[in-house]
Amino acid sequence: MGFVVVMVGLFLLVGLVFGLLFGVKAYSRYQKRADAHNDVSVTHIRIQQAQQQAQINHAQIAATQAEAEKRVAEAVGIRRAQDEIQATLTPLYVQHEAVQAQLAMAHSENHTMIWAPAGTNGTPLQPTLPLHP
């Protein structure tokens, strides 16, 4: 009876070893398939991230181009305004505007006026006396 128990135990032990070997092999195949599936999923996510980054880059480029076009349009508008002012600006008009500004300052409650001698074109004259004795 002891021999039969030993033989049954040995048979079970050999069966367990073979079962583990086949189980490890099957687990290894399963793990490889799972790893491959994970690699595909990670690659898909990276592709989506790259596409999103490309869309962001295109949007930034479009915004930069729009800003540049806006600045060009502003510059053209400023230049046209300067040309129009230059065409209609006369020394008498400039003198009139200076007088109007001085009158507005004179009627203001908080003002300090300093009068400087001016030449015929309205620019201040060089002082003949030193400013600080």
C-alpha atoms as a PDB file:
ATOM      1  CA  MET A   1       0.000   0.000   0.000  1.00  0.00           C
ATOM      2  CA  GLY A   2       2.847   2.439   0.732  1.00  0.00           C
ATOM      3  CA  PHE A   3       4.276   1.753  -2.709  1.00  0.00           C
ATOM      4  CA  VAL A   4       0.960   2.571  -4.372  1.00  0.00           C
ATOM      5  CA  VAL A   5       0.700   5.844  -2.424  1.00  0.00           C
ATOM      6  CA  VAL A   6       4.236   6.792  -3.443  1.00  0.00           C
ATOM      7  CA  MET A   7       3.515   5.943  -7.080  1.00  0.00           C
ATOM      8  CA  VAL A   8       0.244   7.915  -7.080  1.00  0.00           C
ATOM      9  CA  GLY A   9       2.076  10.835  -5.419  1.00  0.00           C
ATOM     10  CA  LEU A  10       4.861  10.597  -8.006  1.00  0.00           C
ATOM     11  CA  PHE A  11       2.311  10.434 -10.810  1.00  0.00           C
ATOM     12  CA  LEU A  12       0.521  13.492  -9.445  1.00  0.00           C
ATOM     13  CA  LEU A  13       3.826  15.320  -9.076  1.00  0.00           C
ATOM     14  CA  VAL A  14       4.826  14.561 -12.692  1.00  0.00           C
ATOM     15  CA  GLY A  15       1.349  15.601 -13.856  1.00  0.00           C
ATOM     16  CA  LEU A  16       1.635  18.820 -11.886  1.00  0.00           C
ATOM     17  CA  VAL A  17       5.048  19.577 -13.425  1.00  0.00           C
ATOM     18  CA  PHE A  18       3.759  18.958 -16.972  1.00  0.00           C
ATOM     19  CA  GLY A  19       0.647  21.022 -16.222  1.00  0.00           C
ATOM     20  CA  LEU A  20       2.774  23.907 -15.000  1.00  0.00           C
ATOM     21  CA  LEU A  21       5.017  23.731 -18.066  1.00  0.00           C
ATOM     22  CA  PHE A  22       2.048  23.835 -20.432  1.00  0.00           C
ATOM     23  CA  GLY A  23       0.396  26.526 -18.290  1.00  0.00           C
ATOM     24  CA  VAL A  24       3.500  28.718 -18.386  1.00  0.00           C
ATOM     25  CA  LYS A  25       3.705  28.308 -22.159  1.00  0.00           C
ATOM     26  CA  ALA A  26       0.037  29.264 -22.571  1.00  0.00           C
ATOM     27  CA  TYR A  27       0.443  32.197 -20.169  1.00  0.00           C
ATOM     28  CA  SER A  28       3.489  33.354 -22.127  1.00  0.00           C
ATOM     29  CA  ARG A  29       1.489  33.321 -25.396  1.00  0.00           C
ATOM     30  CA  TYR A  30      -1.356  35.204 -23.718  1.00  0.00           C
ATOM     31  CA  GLN A  31       1.054  37.781 -22.321  1.00  0.00           C
ATOM     32  CA  LYS A  32       2.688  38.298 -25.707  1.00  0.00           C
ATOM     33  CA  ARG A  33      -0.711  38.871 -27.322  1.00  0.00           C
ATOM     34  CA  ALA A  34      -1.676  41.300 -24.553  1.00  0.00           C
ATOM     35  CA  ASP A  35       1.629  43.171 -24.947  1.00  0.00           C
ATOM     36  CA  ALA A  36       1.137  43.410 -28.710  1.00  0.00           C
ATOM     37  CA  HIS A  37      -2.401  44.730 -28.205  1.00  0.00           C
ATOM     38  CA  ASN A  38      -1.104  47.312 -25.706  1.00  0.00           C
ATOM     39  CA  ASP A  39       1.626  48.384 -28.142  1.00  0.00           C
ATOM     40  CA  VAL A  40      -1.004  48.929 -30.841  1.00  0.00           C
ATOM     41  CA  SER A  41      -3.154  50.967 -28.434  1.00  0.00           C
ATOM     42  CA  VAL A  42      -0.198  53.114 -27.333  1.00  0.00           C
ATOM     43  CA  THR A  43       0.814  53.711 -30.952  1.00  0.00           C
ATOM     44  CA  HIS A  44      -2.757  54.733 -31.816  1.00  0.00           C
ATOM     45  CA  ILE A  45      -2.791  57.215 -28.909  1.00  0.00           C
ATOM     46  CA  ARG A  46       0.550  58.669 -30.006  1.00  0.00           C
ATOM     47  CA  ILE A  47      -0.747  59.102 -33.563  1.00  0.00           C
ATOM     48  CA  GLN A  48      -3.805  60.957 -32.236  1.00  0.00           C
ATOM     49  CA  GLN A  49      -1.592  63.200 -30.104  1.00  0.00           C
ATOM     50  CA  ALA A  50       0.623  63.979 -33.100  1.00  0.00           C
ATOM     51  CA  GLN A  51      -2.442  64.844 -35.197  1.00  0.00           C
ATOM     52  CA  GLN A  52      -3.763  67.127 -32.457  1.00  0.00           C
ATOM     53  CA  GLN A  53      -0.385  68.838 -32.163  1.00  0.00           C
ATOM     54  CA  ALA A  54      -0.327  69.345 -35.940  1.00  0.00           C
ATOM     55  CA  GLN A  55      -3.780  70.956 -35.759  1.00  0.00           C
ATOM     56  CA  ILE A  56      -2.606  73.245 -32.956  1.00  0.00           C
ATOM     57  CA  ASN A  57       0.464  74.219 -34.994  1.00  0.00           C
ATOM     58  CA  HIS A  58      -1.685  74.989 -38.054  1.00  0.00           C
ATOM     59  CA  ALA A  59      -4.024  77.123 -35.920  1.00  0.00           C
ATOM     60  CA  GLN A  60      -1.064  79.041 -34.449  1.00  0.00           C
ATOM     61  CA  ILE A  61       0.350  79.658 -37.925  1.00  0.00           C
ATOM     62  CA  ALA A  62      -3.049  80.899 -39.163  1.00  0.00           C
ATOM     63  CA  ALA A  63      -3.368  83.208 -36.144  1.00  0.00           C
ATOM     64  CA  THR A  64       0.125  84.603 -36.735  1.00  0.00           C
ATOM     65  CA  GLN A  65      -0.648  85.225 -40.403  1.00  0.00           C
ATOM     66  CA  ALA A  66      -3.939  86.931 -39.511  1.00  0.00           C
ATOM     67  CA  GLU A  67      -2.129  89.156 -37.002  1.00  0.00           C
ATOM     68  CA  ALA A  68       0.464  90.088 -39.616  1.00  0.00           C
ATOM     69  CA  GLU A  69      -2.279  90.946 -42.143  1.00  0.00           C
ATOM     70  CA  LYS A  70      -4.026  93.060 -39.502  1.00  0.00           C
ATOM     71  CA  ARG A  71      -0.825  94.990 -38.794  1.00  0.00           C
ATOM     72  CA  VAL A  72      -0.278  95.583 -42.521  1.00  0.00           C
ATOM     73  CA  ALA A  73      -3.866  96.864 -42.877  1.00  0.00           C
ATOM     74  CA  GLU A  74      -3.351  99.187 -39.888  1.00  0.00           C
ATOM     75  CA  ALA A  75      -0.109 100.493 -41.379  1.00  0.00           C
ATOM     76  CA  VAL A  76      -1.807 101.149 -44.723  1.00  0.00           C
ATOM     77  CA  GLY A  77      -4.632 103.002 -42.948  1.00  0.00           C
ATOM     78  CA  ILE A  78      -2.191 105.112 -40.929  1.00  0.00           C
ATOM     79  CA  ARG A  79      -0.213 105.942 -44.060  1.00  0.00           C
ATOM     80  CA  ARG A  80      -3.388 107.031 -45.911  1.00  0.00           C
ATOM     81  CA  ALA A  81      -4.402 109.210 -42.946  1.00  0.00           C
ATOM     82  CA  GLN A  82      -0.942 110.782 -42.849  1.00  0.00           C
ATOM     83  CA  ASP A  83      -1.087 111.454 -46.582  1.00  0.00           C
ATOM     84  CA  GLU A  84      -4.501 113.114 -46.237  1.00  0.00           C
ATOM     85  CA  ILE A  85      -3.356 115.246 -43.299  1.00  0.00           C
ATOM     86  CA  GLN A  86      -0.166 116.195 -45.112  1.00  0.00           C
ATOM     87  CA  ALA A  87      -2.149 117.278 -48.170  1.00  0.00           C
ATOM     88  CA  THR A  88      -4.424 119.592 -46.154  1.00  0.00           C
ATOM     89  CA  LEU A  89      -2.051 120.758 -43.399  1.00  0.00           C
ATOM     90  CA  THR A  90      -0.999 124.396 -43.723  1.00  0.00           C
ATOM     91  CA  PRO A  91       1.084 126.575 -41.396  1.00  0.00           C
ATOM     92  CA  LEU A  92      -1.966 128.757 -40.674  1.00  0.00           C
ATOM     93  CA  TYR A  93      -4.000 125.684 -39.662  1.00  0.00           C
ATOM     94  CA  VAL A  94      -1.214 124.529 -37.324  1.00  0.00           C
ATOM     95  CA  GLN A  95      -1.073 128.018 -35.790  1.00  0.00           C
ATOM     96  CA  HIS A  96      -4.867 128.008 -35.365  1.00  0.00           C
ATOM     97  CA  GLU A  97      -4.745 124.609 -33.597  1.00  0.00           C
ATOM     98  CA  ALA A  98      -1.951 125.853 -31.287  1.00  0.00           C
ATOM     99  CA  VAL A  99      -4.012 128.922 -30.320  1.00  0.00           C
ATOM    100  CA  GLN A 100      -7.077 126.714 -29.673  1.00  0.00           C
ATOM    101  CA  ALA A 101      -5.015 124.386 -27.436  1.00  0.00           C
ATOM    102  CA  GLN A 102      -3.658 127.384 -25.479  1.00  0.00           C
ATOM    103  CA  LEU A 103      -7.173 128.779 -25.029  1.00  0.00           C
ATOM    104  CA  ALA A 104      -8.433 125.418 -23.782  1.00  0.00           C
ATOM    105  CA  MET A 105      -5.569 125.287 -21.281  1.00  0.00           C
ATOM    106  CA  ALA A 106      -6.172 128.873 -20.162  1.00  0.00           C
ATOM    107  CA  HIS A 107      -9.842 128.134 -19.387  1.00  0.00           C
ATOM    108  CA  SER A 108      -8.988 124.932 -17.528  1.00  0.00           C
ATOM    109  CA  GLU A 109      -9.097 125.012 -13.706  1.00  0.00           C
ATOM    110  CA  ASN A 110      -5.842 123.123 -13.289  1.00  0.00           C
ATOM    111  CA  HIS A 111      -3.253 124.620 -15.570  1.00  0.00           C
ATOM    112  CA  THR A 112       0.121 126.232 -15.651  1.00  0.00           C
ATOM    113  CA  MET A 113       1.084 128.231 -18.680  1.00  0.00           C
ATOM    114  CA  ILE A 114       4.596 129.127 -19.627  1.00  0.00           C
ATOM    115  CA  TRP A 115       4.971 131.616 -22.431  1.00  0.00           C
ATOM    116  CA  ALA A 116       8.095 131.412 -24.500  1.00  0.00           C
ATOM    117  CA  PRO A 117       8.964 133.941 -27.175  1.00  0.00           C
ATOM    118  CA  ALA A 118       8.325 132.424 -30.575  1.00  0.00           C
ATOM    119  CA  GLY A 119       9.596 133.162 -34.020  1.00  0.00           C
ATOM    120  CA  THR A 120       7.516 133.622 -37.133  1.00  0.00           C
ATOM    121  CA  ASN A 121       6.983 129.898 -37.576  1.00  0.00           C
ATOM    122  CA  GLY A 122       5.872 129.367 -33.962  1.00  0.00           C
ATOM    123  CA  THR A 123       9.008 127.658 -32.672  1.00  0.00           C
ATOM    124  CA  PRO A 124      10.541 128.941 -29.437  1.00  0.00           C
ATOM    125  CA  LEU A 125      13.472 131.358 -29.764  1.00  0.00           C
ATOM    126  CA  GLN A 126      16.867 130.667 -28.240  1.00  0.00           C
ATOM    127  CA  PRO A 127      17.187 132.422 -24.879  1.00  0.00           C
ATOM    128  CA  THR A 128      19.690 135.246 -24.939  1.00  0.00           C
ATOM    129  CA  LEU A 129      20.216 135.119 -21.176  1.00  0.00           C
ATOM    130  CA  PRO A 130      21.351 132.008 -19.310  1.00  0.00           C
ATOM    131  CA  LEU A 131      18.502 130.150 -17.599  1.00  0.00           C
ATOM    132  CA  HIS A 132      20.475 129.609 -14.379  1.00  0.00           C
ATOM    133  CA  PRO A 133      22.584 132.560 -13.073  1.00  0.00           C
END
